[in-house]
Amino acid sequence: MKDPFLTIVVPVYQVEKYLERCIDSILNQNYQDYEIILVDDGSTDRSPEICDEYAEKFEQIQVVHKENGGLSDARNTGIEKAKGKYLLFIDSDDWLASSCLEELMPILEKRDVDLLCFARQFVKSEKESLSSVQSPELRVVTGYEAYLEMMQHGWVTGFATDKIFKKSLFSEHSIEFPVGHYYEDLGVLYRLLLSSQQVVLTNQVYYYYFIDNPNAITASWTESKFLDMFIFYKNVHHSEIVKNKLQPEDQNFTDAYYVNGLIHILSSIYKAGLENEYPAIVTEIMAEIDGQSLAVNDMKLQPNRLKYMLYRFSLLKSAFKIQRLLRGIG
């Protein structure tokens, strides 16, 4: 039996409420040249049983039961077990549009590209419909151009789940998801993009990103979450691969992306009222922002440009304090 063209890796942890919806969205695809690897990451609810039940019914489904090691470890396990030429990662509380594989996989079968990026939509229930693009566009760019697209918050996001990767990208460039850390996508995506030769971009939406899971990573903040995000943004900006490939005329885009990420972290700390609990993090982030010396106009392509303006006028902390007072949480 020949190897499948695509391997779909689904990390599974405490998602008994959502898992069937995710798996069914894959099985309902018209395209069938794939395998599904369900990586049970030490779940203690009914998730392991659900995985096994599906594997018994469908031969293209493989289940790996392992001790809890986190999302990165589960994804790395899936990559190691994968037989497909290409990899798609789906979080187990999310799901795919029914036309996803039927429309995207022929592109990869015709073009020997390293990576394909599509669009995703945040949803709170399966009752929501995806915003269909009436005249979807398809662009073929270099890996470096795709990296700049991410820096400018264009068609390339910082998520791993709205992309299809050539498996060899990971093995040939010794890239793994960082085990034991939050916000792991930040830690690998810039490396994968800069290691790619050819990337396909489409603005059509195919991925339902579920934001109503009470166990989601941003449901609560900890020092380790802030630090991991900070460290990964630093890596995106300071790493050797970026320094070696970045063209001087594009430095401003990378600086703006970096400052946008730092403003996001700082705003999250202020919004939660945690600035007095993590003063060292706040001080270091502010020093990094000030070290970039960006004008407000330099941030015009960044989603946090207005917050950056408040920061420059020393009003960001006060704005979130007023917001917390209005919400009655101190």
C-alpha atoms as a PDB file:
ATOM      1  CA  MET A   1       0.000   0.000   0.000  1.00  0.00           C
ATOM      2  CA  LYS A   2       1.481   3.347  -1.053  1.00  0.00           C
ATOM      3  CA  ASP A   3       2.095   6.109   1.441  1.00  0.00           C
ATOM      4  CA  PRO A   4      -0.533   8.843   1.656  1.00  0.00           C
ATOM      5  CA  PHE A   5       0.181  12.228   0.102  1.00  0.00           C
ATOM      6  CA  LEU A   6      -0.928  14.090   3.252  1.00  0.00           C
ATOM      7  CA  THR A   7      -0.597  13.399   6.967  1.00  0.00           C
ATOM      8  CA  ILE A   8      -3.012  15.229   9.262  1.00  0.00           C
ATOM      9  CA  VAL A   9      -1.696  15.482  12.825  1.00  0.00           C
ATOM     10  CA  VAL A  10      -4.270  16.107  15.566  1.00  0.00           C
ATOM     11  CA  PRO A  11      -2.874  16.584  19.100  1.00  0.00           C
ATOM     12  CA  VAL A  12      -5.509  15.465  21.592  1.00  0.00           C
ATOM     13  CA  TYR A  13      -5.749  16.563  25.225  1.00  0.00           C
ATOM     14  CA  GLN A  14      -8.910  16.801  27.334  1.00  0.00           C
ATOM     15  CA  VAL A  15     -11.180  17.567  24.384  1.00  0.00           C
ATOM     16  CA  GLU A  16     -13.957  14.999  24.687  1.00  0.00           C
ATOM     17  CA  LYS A  17     -16.533  17.758  23.998  1.00  0.00           C
ATOM     18  CA  TYR A  18     -14.948  18.799  20.697  1.00  0.00           C
ATOM     19  CA  LEU A  19     -12.949  15.872  19.333  1.00  0.00           C
ATOM     20  CA  GLU A  20     -15.639  14.183  17.242  1.00  0.00           C
ATOM     21  CA  ARG A  21     -16.455  17.471  15.504  1.00  0.00           C
ATOM     22  CA  CYS A  22     -12.797  17.848  14.547  1.00  0.00           C
ATOM     23  CA  ILE A  23     -12.308  14.295  13.264  1.00  0.00           C
ATOM     24  CA  ASP A  24     -15.615  14.257  11.397  1.00  0.00           C
ATOM     25  CA  SER A  25     -14.657  17.446   9.564  1.00  0.00           C
ATOM     26  CA  ILE A  26     -11.645  15.570   8.164  1.00  0.00           C
ATOM     27  CA  LEU A  27     -13.470  12.356   7.337  1.00  0.00           C
ATOM     28  CA  ASN A  28     -16.183  14.314   5.505  1.00  0.00           C
ATOM     29  CA  GLN A  29     -13.685  15.695   2.979  1.00  0.00           C
ATOM     30  CA  ASN A  30     -14.044  14.516  -0.622  1.00  0.00           C
ATOM     31  CA  TYR A  31     -10.257  14.268  -0.958  1.00  0.00           C
ATOM     32  CA  GLN A  32      -9.122  10.943   0.522  1.00  0.00           C
ATOM     33  CA  ASP A  33      -5.363  10.535  -0.015  1.00  0.00           C
ATOM     34  CA  TYR A  34      -4.468  11.194   3.604  1.00  0.00           C
ATOM     35  CA  GLU A  35      -3.801   9.580   6.951  1.00  0.00           C
ATOM     36  CA  ILE A  36      -4.861  10.966  10.337  1.00  0.00           C
ATOM     37  CA  ILE A  37      -2.579  10.639  13.345  1.00  0.00           C
ATOM     38  CA  LEU A  38      -4.401  11.277  16.606  1.00  0.00           C
ATOM     39  CA  VAL A  39      -1.798  11.927  19.300  1.00  0.00           C
ATOM     40  CA  ASP A  40      -3.422  11.386  22.686  1.00  0.00           C
ATOM     41  CA  ASP A  41      -1.230  13.457  24.981  1.00  0.00           C
ATOM     42  CA  GLY A  42      -2.095  11.751  28.257  1.00  0.00           C
ATOM     43  CA  SER A  43      -5.780  12.746  28.364  1.00  0.00           C
ATOM     44  CA  THR A  44      -7.725  11.679  31.445  1.00  0.00           C
ATOM     45  CA  ASP A  45     -11.218  12.286  30.052  1.00  0.00           C
ATOM     46  CA  ARG A  46     -12.931  10.194  27.336  1.00  0.00           C
ATOM     47  CA  SER A  47     -10.643  11.489  24.582  1.00  0.00           C
ATOM     48  CA  PRO A  48      -8.467   8.307  24.417  1.00  0.00           C
ATOM     49  CA  GLU A  49     -11.553   6.101  24.049  1.00  0.00           C
ATOM     50  CA  ILE A  50     -12.958   8.351  21.320  1.00  0.00           C
ATOM     51  CA  CYS A  51      -9.655   8.137  19.439  1.00  0.00           C
ATOM     52  CA  ASP A  52      -9.622   4.340  19.639  1.00  0.00           C
ATOM     53  CA  GLU A  53     -13.242   4.080  18.522  1.00  0.00           C
ATOM     54  CA  TYR A  54     -12.491   6.093  15.376  1.00  0.00           C
ATOM     55  CA  ALA A  55      -9.318   4.077  14.662  1.00  0.00           C
ATOM     56  CA  GLU A  56     -11.322   0.855  14.801  1.00  0.00           C
ATOM     57  CA  LYS A  57     -13.797   2.183  12.223  1.00  0.00           C
ATOM     58  CA  PHE A  58     -11.430   3.939   9.829  1.00  0.00           C
ATOM     59  CA  GLU A  59      -8.206   2.389   8.561  1.00  0.00           C
ATOM     60  CA  GLN A  60      -6.656   5.763   7.681  1.00  0.00           C
ATOM     61  CA  ILE A  61      -6.656   6.736  11.368  1.00  0.00           C
ATOM     62  CA  GLN A  62      -3.712   5.904  13.621  1.00  0.00           C
ATOM     63  CA  VAL A  63      -3.694   6.609  17.359  1.00  0.00           C
ATOM     64  CA  VAL A  64      -0.630   7.272  19.478  1.00  0.00           C
ATOM     65  CA  HIS A  65      -1.146   7.215  23.250  1.00  0.00           C
ATOM     66  CA  LYS A  66       1.626   8.933  25.186  1.00  0.00           C
ATOM     67  CA  GLU A  67       2.368  10.608  28.491  1.00  0.00           C
ATOM     68  CA  ASN A  68       1.484  14.265  28.691  1.00  0.00           C
ATOM     69  CA  GLY A  69       4.197  16.390  27.122  1.00  0.00           C
ATOM     70  CA  GLY A  70       2.306  19.368  25.762  1.00  0.00           C
ATOM     71  CA  LEU A  71       1.187  20.493  22.317  1.00  0.00           C
ATOM     72  CA  SER A  72       4.690  20.758  20.838  1.00  0.00           C
ATOM     73  CA  ASP A  73       5.637  17.260  21.951  1.00  0.00           C
ATOM     74  CA  ALA A  74       2.407  15.875  20.496  1.00  0.00           C
ATOM     75  CA  ARG A  75       3.020  17.606  17.163  1.00  0.00           C
ATOM     76  CA  ASN A  76       6.626  16.401  17.059  1.00  0.00           C
ATOM     77  CA  THR A  77       5.404  12.859  17.720  1.00  0.00           C
ATOM     78  CA  GLY A  78       2.984  13.183  14.805  1.00  0.00           C
ATOM     79  CA  ILE A  79       5.743  14.436  12.508  1.00  0.00           C
ATOM     80  CA  GLU A  80       7.943  11.490  13.472  1.00  0.00           C
ATOM     81  CA  LYS A  81       5.166   8.990  12.700  1.00  0.00           C
ATOM     82  CA  ALA A  82       3.962  10.723   9.516  1.00  0.00           C
ATOM     83  CA  LYS A  83       4.203   8.924   6.173  1.00  0.00           C
ATOM     84  CA  GLY A  84       2.831  11.732   4.017  1.00  0.00           C
ATOM     85  CA  LYS A  85       4.838  14.104   1.870  1.00  0.00           C
ATOM     86  CA  TYR A  86       2.903  17.008   3.378  1.00  0.00           C
ATOM     87  CA  LEU A  87       1.724  17.801   6.911  1.00  0.00           C
ATOM     88  CA  LEU A  88      -1.393  19.567   8.172  1.00  0.00           C
ATOM     89  CA  PHE A  89      -1.806  20.318  11.888  1.00  0.00           C
ATOM     90  CA  ILE A  90      -5.307  20.691  13.308  1.00  0.00           C
ATOM     91  CA  ASP A  91      -6.017  21.589  16.918  1.00  0.00           C
ATOM     92  CA  SER A  92      -8.597  19.164  18.268  1.00  0.00           C
ATOM     93  CA  ASP A  93     -11.160  21.824  19.208  1.00  0.00           C
ATOM     94  CA  ASP A  94     -11.033  23.318  15.691  1.00  0.00           C
ATOM     95  CA  TRP A  95     -12.355  21.937  12.402  1.00  0.00           C
ATOM     96  CA  LEU A  96     -12.029  22.184   8.623  1.00  0.00           C
ATOM     97  CA  ALA A  97     -14.363  23.536   5.982  1.00  0.00           C
ATOM     98  CA  SER A  98     -15.826  20.691   3.903  1.00  0.00           C
ATOM     99  CA  SER A  99     -14.117  21.899   0.712  1.00  0.00           C
ATOM    100  CA  CYS A 100     -10.659  22.383   2.274  1.00  0.00           C
ATOM    101  CA  LEU A 101      -8.696  19.381   1.007  1.00  0.00           C
ATOM    102  CA  GLU A 102     -10.607  19.005  -2.253  1.00  0.00           C
ATOM    103  CA  GLU A 103      -9.602  22.536  -3.271  1.00  0.00           C
ATOM    104  CA  LEU A 104      -6.128  22.797  -1.744  1.00  0.00           C
ATOM    105  CA  MET A 105      -4.502  19.420  -2.331  1.00  0.00           C
ATOM    106  CA  PRO A 106      -4.568  19.581  -6.173  1.00  0.00           C
ATOM    107  CA  ILE A 107      -2.469  22.742  -5.873  1.00  0.00           C
ATOM    108  CA  LEU A 108       0.218  20.809  -4.007  1.00  0.00           C
ATOM    109  CA  GLU A 109      -0.034  17.833  -6.349  1.00  0.00           C
ATOM    110  CA  LYS A 110       0.655  20.099  -9.335  1.00  0.00           C
ATOM    111  CA  ARG A 111       3.319  22.293  -7.714  1.00  0.00           C
ATOM    112  CA  ASP A 112       6.265  20.995  -5.721  1.00  0.00           C
ATOM    113  CA  VAL A 113       6.081  23.802  -3.159  1.00  0.00           C
ATOM    114  CA  ASP A 114       7.372  23.802   0.403  1.00  0.00           C
ATOM    115  CA  LEU A 115       4.400  25.398   2.092  1.00  0.00           C
ATOM    116  CA  LEU A 116       0.819  26.444   1.434  1.00  0.00           C
ATOM    117  CA  CYS A 117      -0.903  29.145   3.509  1.00  0.00           C
ATOM    118  CA  PHE A 118      -4.679  29.603   3.610  1.00  0.00           C
ATOM    119  CA  ALA A 119      -7.029  31.684   5.766  1.00  0.00           C
ATOM    120  CA  ARG A 120      -8.773  30.894   9.043  1.00  0.00           C
ATOM    121  CA  GLN A 121     -11.725  32.427  10.871  1.00  0.00           C
ATOM    122  CA  PHE A 122     -12.352  32.770  14.588  1.00  0.00           C
ATOM    123  CA  VAL A 123     -15.692  31.218  15.589  1.00  0.00           C
ATOM    124  CA  LYS A 124     -17.605  30.468  18.784  1.00  0.00           C
ATOM    125  CA  SER A 125     -19.763  27.602  17.506  1.00  0.00           C
ATOM    126  CA  GLU A 126     -20.324  25.325  14.533  1.00  0.00           C
ATOM    127  CA  LYS A 127     -23.454  27.346  13.726  1.00  0.00           C
ATOM    128  CA  GLU A 128     -21.271  30.109  12.317  1.00  0.00           C
ATOM    129  CA  SER A 129     -20.513  30.129   8.605  1.00  0.00           C
ATOM    130  CA  LEU A 130     -17.139  30.908   7.123  1.00  0.00           C
ATOM    131  CA  SER A 131     -16.747  34.158   5.224  1.00  0.00           C
ATOM    132  CA  SER A 132     -16.320  32.868   1.696  1.00  0.00           C
ATOM    133  CA  VAL A 133     -14.150  34.946  -0.631  1.00  0.00           C
ATOM    134  CA  GLN A 134     -16.104  35.434  -3.860  1.00  0.00           C
ATOM    135  CA  SER A 135     -13.018  35.742  -6.056  1.00  0.00           C
ATOM    136  CA  PRO A 136     -10.230  33.981  -4.151  1.00  0.00           C
ATOM    137  CA  GLU A 137      -6.706  34.771  -5.201  1.00  0.00           C
ATOM    138  CA  LEU A 138      -3.698  32.481  -5.439  1.00  0.00           C
ATOM    139  CA  ARG A 139      -0.163  33.810  -5.194  1.00  0.00           C
ATOM    140  CA  VAL A 140       3.146  31.986  -5.512  1.00  0.00           C
ATOM    141  CA  VAL A 141       5.963  33.671  -3.604  1.00  0.00           C
ATOM    142  CA  THR A 142       9.392  32.870  -2.212  1.00  0.00           C
ATOM    143  CA  GLY A 143       9.821  31.827   1.398  1.00  0.00           C
ATOM    144  CA  TYR A 144      11.405  35.187   2.130  1.00  0.00           C
ATOM    145  CA  GLU A 145       8.441  37.030   0.600  1.00  0.00           C
ATOM    146  CA  ALA A 146       6.082  34.894   2.703  1.00  0.00           C
ATOM    147  CA  TYR A 147       8.112  35.817   5.789  1.00  0.00           C
ATOM    148  CA  LEU A 148       7.696  39.523   4.957  1.00  0.00           C
ATOM    149  CA  GLU A 149       3.972  38.894   4.467  1.00  0.00           C
ATOM    150  CA  MET A 150       3.841  37.618   8.062  1.00  0.00           C
ATOM    151  CA  MET A 151       5.856  40.608   9.274  1.00  0.00           C
ATOM    152  CA  GLN A 152       3.238  42.898   7.712  1.00  0.00           C
ATOM    153  CA  HIS A 153       0.233  40.851   8.938  1.00  0.00           C
ATOM    154  CA  GLY A 154      -0.842  40.051   5.415  1.00  0.00           C
ATOM    155  CA  TRP A 155      -1.934  36.664   4.084  1.00  0.00           C
ATOM    156  CA  VAL A 156       0.506  34.770   6.302  1.00  0.00           C
ATOM    157  CA  THR A 157      -0.434  34.483   9.971  1.00  0.00           C
ATOM    158  CA  GLY A 158       1.615  33.405  12.972  1.00  0.00           C
ATOM    159  CA  PHE A 159      -0.428  30.189  13.295  1.00  0.00           C
ATOM    160  CA  ALA A 160       0.728  26.710  12.285  1.00  0.00           C
ATOM    161  CA  THR A 161      -2.789  25.355  11.732  1.00  0.00           C
ATOM    162  CA  ASP A 162      -3.681  27.410   8.636  1.00  0.00           C
ATOM    163  CA  LYS A 163      -0.798  25.999   6.628  1.00  0.00           C
ATOM    164  CA  ILE A 164       0.251  22.782   4.909  1.00  0.00           C
ATOM    165  CA  PHE A 165       3.966  22.004   5.205  1.00  0.00           C
ATOM    166  CA  LYS A 166       6.262  19.761   3.231  1.00  0.00           C
ATOM    167  CA  LYS A 167       7.467  17.257   5.813  1.00  0.00           C
ATOM    168  CA  SER A 168      11.076  17.555   4.679  1.00  0.00           C
ATOM    169  CA  LEU A 169      11.109  21.192   5.846  1.00  0.00           C
ATOM    170  CA  PHE A 170      11.289  19.909   9.409  1.00  0.00           C
ATOM    171  CA  SER A 171      13.812  17.112   8.898  1.00  0.00           C
ATOM    172  CA  GLU A 172      16.197  18.844   6.489  1.00  0.00           C
ATOM    173  CA  HIS A 173      16.456  21.992   8.609  1.00  0.00           C
ATOM    174  CA  SER A 174      16.342  20.314  12.048  1.00  0.00           C
ATOM    175  CA  ILE A 175      13.172  22.173  13.017  1.00  0.00           C
ATOM    176  CA  GLU A 176      10.971  20.946  15.851  1.00  0.00           C
ATOM    177  CA  PHE A 177       8.208  22.551  17.854  1.00  0.00           C
ATOM    178  CA  PRO A 178       9.735  23.742  21.169  1.00  0.00           C
ATOM    179  CA  VAL A 179       8.709  21.289  23.885  1.00  0.00           C
ATOM    180  CA  GLY A 180       7.644  22.664  27.255  1.00  0.00           C
ATOM    181  CA  HIS A 181       6.802  26.148  26.014  1.00  0.00           C
ATOM    182  CA  TYR A 182       3.668  28.117  25.225  1.00  0.00           C
ATOM    183  CA  TYR A 183       3.128  29.949  21.895  1.00  0.00           C
ATOM    184  CA  GLU A 184       5.174  27.318  20.087  1.00  0.00           C
ATOM    185  CA  ASP A 185       4.056  28.490  16.645  1.00  0.00           C
ATOM    186  CA  LEU A 186       6.053  31.694  17.101  1.00  0.00           C
ATOM    187  CA  GLY A 187       9.136  29.616  17.757  1.00  0.00           C
ATOM    188  CA  VAL A 188       9.129  27.750  14.438  1.00  0.00           C
ATOM    189  CA  LEU A 189       7.121  29.550  11.760  1.00  0.00           C
ATOM    190  CA  TYR A 190       9.691  32.183  10.847  1.00  0.00           C
ATOM    191  CA  ARG A 191      12.303  29.420  10.473  1.00  0.00           C
ATOM    192  CA  LEU A 192      10.019  27.325   8.285  1.00  0.00           C
ATOM    193  CA  LEU A 193       9.199  30.306   6.069  1.00  0.00           C
ATOM    194  CA  LEU A 194      12.823  31.377   5.696  1.00  0.00           C
ATOM    195  CA  SER A 195      13.820  27.763   4.943  1.00  0.00           C
ATOM    196  CA  SER A 196      11.244  27.498   2.135  1.00  0.00           C
ATOM    197  CA  GLN A 197      11.966  28.067  -1.530  1.00  0.00           C
ATOM    198  CA  GLN A 198       8.431  28.405  -2.870  1.00  0.00           C
ATOM    199  CA  VAL A 199       5.212  29.158  -0.969  1.00  0.00           C
ATOM    200  CA  VAL A 200       1.608  29.280  -2.179  1.00  0.00           C
ATOM    201  CA  LEU A 201      -0.753  31.813  -0.591  1.00  0.00           C
ATOM    202  CA  THR A 202      -4.534  31.946  -0.848  1.00  0.00           C
ATOM    203  CA  ASN A 203      -6.972  34.292   0.867  1.00  0.00           C
ATOM    204  CA  GLN A 204      -9.795  31.725   0.882  1.00  0.00           C
ATOM    205  CA  VAL A 205     -10.977  30.660   4.357  1.00  0.00           C
ATOM    206  CA  TYR A 206     -10.873  26.942   5.153  1.00  0.00           C
ATOM    207  CA  TYR A 207     -10.234  26.677   8.902  1.00  0.00           C
ATOM    208  CA  TYR A 208     -12.608  27.165  11.842  1.00  0.00           C
ATOM    209  CA  TYR A 209     -10.557  28.427  14.787  1.00  0.00           C
ATOM    210  CA  PHE A 210     -12.645  27.834  17.924  1.00  0.00           C
ATOM    211  CA  ILE A 211     -12.247  30.599  20.535  1.00  0.00           C
ATOM    212  CA  ASP A 212     -14.863  29.515  23.091  1.00  0.00           C
ATOM    213  CA  ASN A 213     -12.848  26.762  24.780  1.00  0.00           C
ATOM    214  CA  PRO A 214     -12.480  27.612  28.515  1.00  0.00           C
ATOM    215  CA  ASN A 215      -9.206  25.650  28.556  1.00  0.00           C
ATOM    216  CA  ALA A 216      -7.608  27.754  25.817  1.00  0.00           C
ATOM    217  CA  ILE A 217      -4.112  29.089  26.431  1.00  0.00           C
ATOM    218  CA  THR A 218      -5.225  32.717  26.826  1.00  0.00           C
ATOM    219  CA  ALA A 219      -8.003  31.875  29.303  1.00  0.00           C
ATOM    220  CA  SER A 220      -5.521  32.612  32.099  1.00  0.00           C
ATOM    221  CA  TRP A 221      -2.118  34.273  32.288  1.00  0.00           C
ATOM    222  CA  THR A 222       1.024  33.103  34.039  1.00  0.00           C
ATOM    223  CA  GLU A 223       4.578  34.358  34.174  1.00  0.00           C
ATOM    224  CA  SER A 224       5.767  31.474  32.009  1.00  0.00           C
ATOM    225  CA  LYS A 225       3.252  32.350  29.282  1.00  0.00           C
ATOM    226  CA  PHE A 226       4.410  35.965  29.170  1.00  0.00           C
ATOM    227  CA  LEU A 227       8.065  34.927  29.202  1.00  0.00           C
ATOM    228  CA  ASP A 228       7.647  32.339  26.434  1.00  0.00           C
ATOM    229  CA  MET A 229       5.874  34.841  24.208  1.00  0.00           C
ATOM    230  CA  PHE A 230       8.562  37.431  24.931  1.00  0.00           C
ATOM    231  CA  ILE A 231      11.397  34.987  24.205  1.00  0.00           C
ATOM    232  CA  PHE A 232       9.861  33.814  20.932  1.00  0.00           C
ATOM    233  CA  TYR A 233       9.293  37.368  19.695  1.00  0.00           C
ATOM    234  CA  LYS A 234      12.925  38.045  20.541  1.00  0.00           C
ATOM    235  CA  ASN A 235      13.963  34.990  18.528  1.00  0.00           C
ATOM    236  CA  VAL A 236      11.918  36.103  15.522  1.00  0.00           C
ATOM    237  CA  HIS A 237      13.691  39.455  15.623  1.00  0.00           C
ATOM    238  CA  HIS A 238      17.208  38.596  16.788  1.00  0.00           C
ATOM    239  CA  SER A 239      17.897  35.105  15.406  1.00  0.00           C
ATOM    240  CA  GLU A 240      20.800  34.318  13.080  1.00  0.00           C
ATOM    241  CA  ILE A 241      18.612  33.036  10.257  1.00  0.00           C
ATOM    242  CA  VAL A 242      16.806  36.389  10.207  1.00  0.00           C
ATOM    243  CA  LYS A 243      20.059  38.363  10.359  1.00  0.00           C
ATOM    244  CA  ASN A 244      21.540  36.301   7.523  1.00  0.00           C
ATOM    245  CA  LYS A 245      18.545  36.543   5.172  1.00  0.00           C
ATOM    246  CA  LEU A 246      16.966  39.894   5.971  1.00  0.00           C
ATOM    247  CA  GLN A 247      17.509  42.572   3.329  1.00  0.00           C
ATOM    248  CA  PRO A 248      18.452  45.998   4.772  1.00  0.00           C
ATOM    249  CA  GLU A 249      15.484  47.683   3.125  1.00  0.00           C
ATOM    250  CA  ASP A 250      13.130  45.317   4.977  1.00  0.00           C
ATOM    251  CA  GLN A 251      14.527  45.872   8.476  1.00  0.00           C
ATOM    252  CA  ASN A 252      11.730  48.278   9.347  1.00  0.00           C
ATOM    253  CA  PHE A 253       9.072  45.603   8.732  1.00  0.00           C
ATOM    254  CA  THR A 254      10.770  43.200  11.133  1.00  0.00           C
ATOM    255  CA  ASP A 255      11.245  45.923  13.757  1.00  0.00           C
ATOM    256  CA  ALA A 256       7.570  46.898  13.537  1.00  0.00           C
ATOM    257  CA  TYR A 257       6.425  43.257  13.850  1.00  0.00           C
ATOM    258  CA  TYR A 258       8.642  42.864  16.913  1.00  0.00           C
ATOM    259  CA  VAL A 259       7.340  46.015  18.592  1.00  0.00           C
ATOM    260  CA  ASN A 260       3.754  45.022  17.763  1.00  0.00           C
ATOM    261  CA  GLY A 261       4.292  41.714  19.560  1.00  0.00           C
ATOM    262  CA  LEU A 262       5.840  43.413  22.566  1.00  0.00           C
ATOM    263  CA  ILE A 263       2.965  45.894  22.763  1.00  0.00           C
ATOM    264  CA  HIS A 264       0.588  42.925  22.723  1.00  0.00           C
ATOM    265  CA  ILE A 265       2.374  41.327  25.688  1.00  0.00           C
ATOM    266  CA  LEU A 266       2.506  44.606  27.607  1.00  0.00           C
ATOM    267  CA  SER A 267      -1.182  45.270  26.915  1.00  0.00           C
ATOM    268  CA  SER A 268      -2.085  41.758  28.120  1.00  0.00           C
ATOM    269  CA  ILE A 269      -0.208  42.394  31.376  1.00  0.00           C
ATOM    270  CA  TYR A 270      -1.912  45.755  31.887  1.00  0.00           C
ATOM    271  CA  LYS A 271      -5.330  44.384  30.933  1.00  0.00           C
ATOM    272  CA  ALA A 272      -4.997  41.651  33.569  1.00  0.00           C
ATOM    273  CA  GLY A 273      -3.649  44.128  36.136  1.00  0.00           C
ATOM    274  CA  LEU A 274      -0.465  42.096  36.597  1.00  0.00           C
ATOM    275  CA  GLU A 275       2.129  44.839  36.151  1.00  0.00           C
ATOM    276  CA  ASN A 276       3.001  44.795  39.863  1.00  0.00           C
ATOM    277  CA  GLU A 277       3.418  41.008  39.844  1.00  0.00           C
ATOM    278  CA  TYR A 278       5.824  40.953  36.920  1.00  0.00           C
ATOM    279  CA  PRO A 279       7.750  44.255  37.108  1.00  0.00           C
ATOM    280  CA  ALA A 280      10.958  42.775  35.663  1.00  0.00           C
ATOM    281  CA  ILE A 281       9.131  41.581  32.525  1.00  0.00           C
ATOM    282  CA  VAL A 282       7.450  44.968  32.109  1.00  0.00           C
ATOM    283  CA  THR A 283      10.757  46.810  32.483  1.00  0.00           C
ATOM    284  CA  GLU A 284      12.573  44.609  29.960  1.00  0.00           C
ATOM    285  CA  ILE A 285       9.755  44.812  27.414  1.00  0.00           C
ATOM    286  CA  MET A 286       9.672  48.596  27.663  1.00  0.00           C
ATOM    287  CA  ALA A 287      13.436  48.741  27.177  1.00  0.00           C
ATOM    288  CA  GLU A 288      13.145  46.591  24.032  1.00  0.00           C
ATOM    289  CA  ILE A 289      10.337  48.753  22.621  1.00  0.00           C
ATOM    290  CA  ASP A 290      12.217  51.966  23.300  1.00  0.00           C
ATOM    291  CA  GLY A 291      15.343  50.471  21.745  1.00  0.00           C
ATOM    292  CA  GLN A 292      13.649  50.209  18.338  1.00  0.00           C
ATOM    293  CA  SER A 293      12.914  53.956  18.086  1.00  0.00           C
ATOM    294  CA  LEU A 294       9.955  53.491  15.755  1.00  0.00           C
ATOM    295  CA  ALA A 295       7.655  56.349  14.823  1.00  0.00           C
ATOM    296  CA  VAL A 296       3.903  55.787  15.027  1.00  0.00           C
ATOM    297  CA  ASN A 297       3.713  55.847  11.207  1.00  0.00           C
ATOM    298  CA  ASP A 298       6.172  52.922  11.073  1.00  0.00           C
ATOM    299  CA  MET A 299       3.460  50.816  12.741  1.00  0.00           C
ATOM    300  CA  LYS A 300       0.761  51.543  10.160  1.00  0.00           C
ATOM    301  CA  LEU A 301       0.529  47.893   9.033  1.00  0.00           C
ATOM    302  CA  GLN A 302       0.472  46.494  12.570  1.00  0.00           C
ATOM    303  CA  PRO A 303      -2.775  45.654  14.445  1.00  0.00           C
ATOM    304  CA  ASN A 304      -1.535  47.245  17.692  1.00  0.00           C
ATOM    305  CA  ARG A 305      -0.587  50.595  16.155  1.00  0.00           C
ATOM    306  CA  LEU A 306      -3.128  52.547  18.272  1.00  0.00           C
ATOM    307  CA  LYS A 307      -1.859  50.917  21.454  1.00  0.00           C
ATOM    308  CA  TYR A 308       1.652  51.815  20.375  1.00  0.00           C
ATOM    309  CA  MET A 309       0.539  55.425  20.042  1.00  0.00           C
ATOM    310  CA  LEU A 310      -0.846  55.301  23.590  1.00  0.00           C
ATOM    311  CA  TYR A 311       2.444  53.817  24.745  1.00  0.00           C
ATOM    312  CA  ARG A 312       4.434  56.607  23.103  1.00  0.00           C
ATOM    313  CA  PHE A 313       2.311  59.169  24.955  1.00  0.00           C
ATOM    314  CA  SER A 314       2.723  57.193  28.225  1.00  0.00           C
ATOM    315  CA  LEU A 315      -1.004  56.474  28.289  1.00  0.00           C
ATOM    316  CA  LEU A 316      -1.161  52.699  27.680  1.00  0.00           C
ATOM    317  CA  LYS A 317      -1.049  51.650  31.333  1.00  0.00           C
ATOM    318  CA  SER A 318      -3.575  54.312  32.332  1.00  0.00           C
ATOM    319  CA  ALA A 319      -5.932  53.313  29.513  1.00  0.00           C
ATOM    320  CA  PHE A 320      -6.095  49.726  30.735  1.00  0.00           C
ATOM    321  CA  LYS A 321      -6.430  50.846  34.355  1.00  0.00           C
ATOM    322  CA  ILE A 322      -9.464  52.922  33.385  1.00  0.00           C
ATOM    323  CA  GLN A 323     -10.833  49.949  31.441  1.00  0.00           C
ATOM    324  CA  ARG A 324     -10.487  47.700  34.496  1.00  0.00           C
ATOM    325  CA  LEU A 325     -12.221  50.287  36.697  1.00  0.00           C
ATOM    326  CA  LEU A 326     -15.107  50.561  34.256  1.00  0.00           C
ATOM    327  CA  ARG A 327     -15.420  46.778  34.278  1.00  0.00           C
ATOM    328  CA  GLY A 328     -15.400  46.850  38.066  1.00  0.00           C
ATOM    329  CA  ILE A 329     -12.331  44.656  38.558  1.00  0.00           C
ATOM    330  CA  GLY A 330      -9.947  47.115  40.206  1.00  0.00           C
END
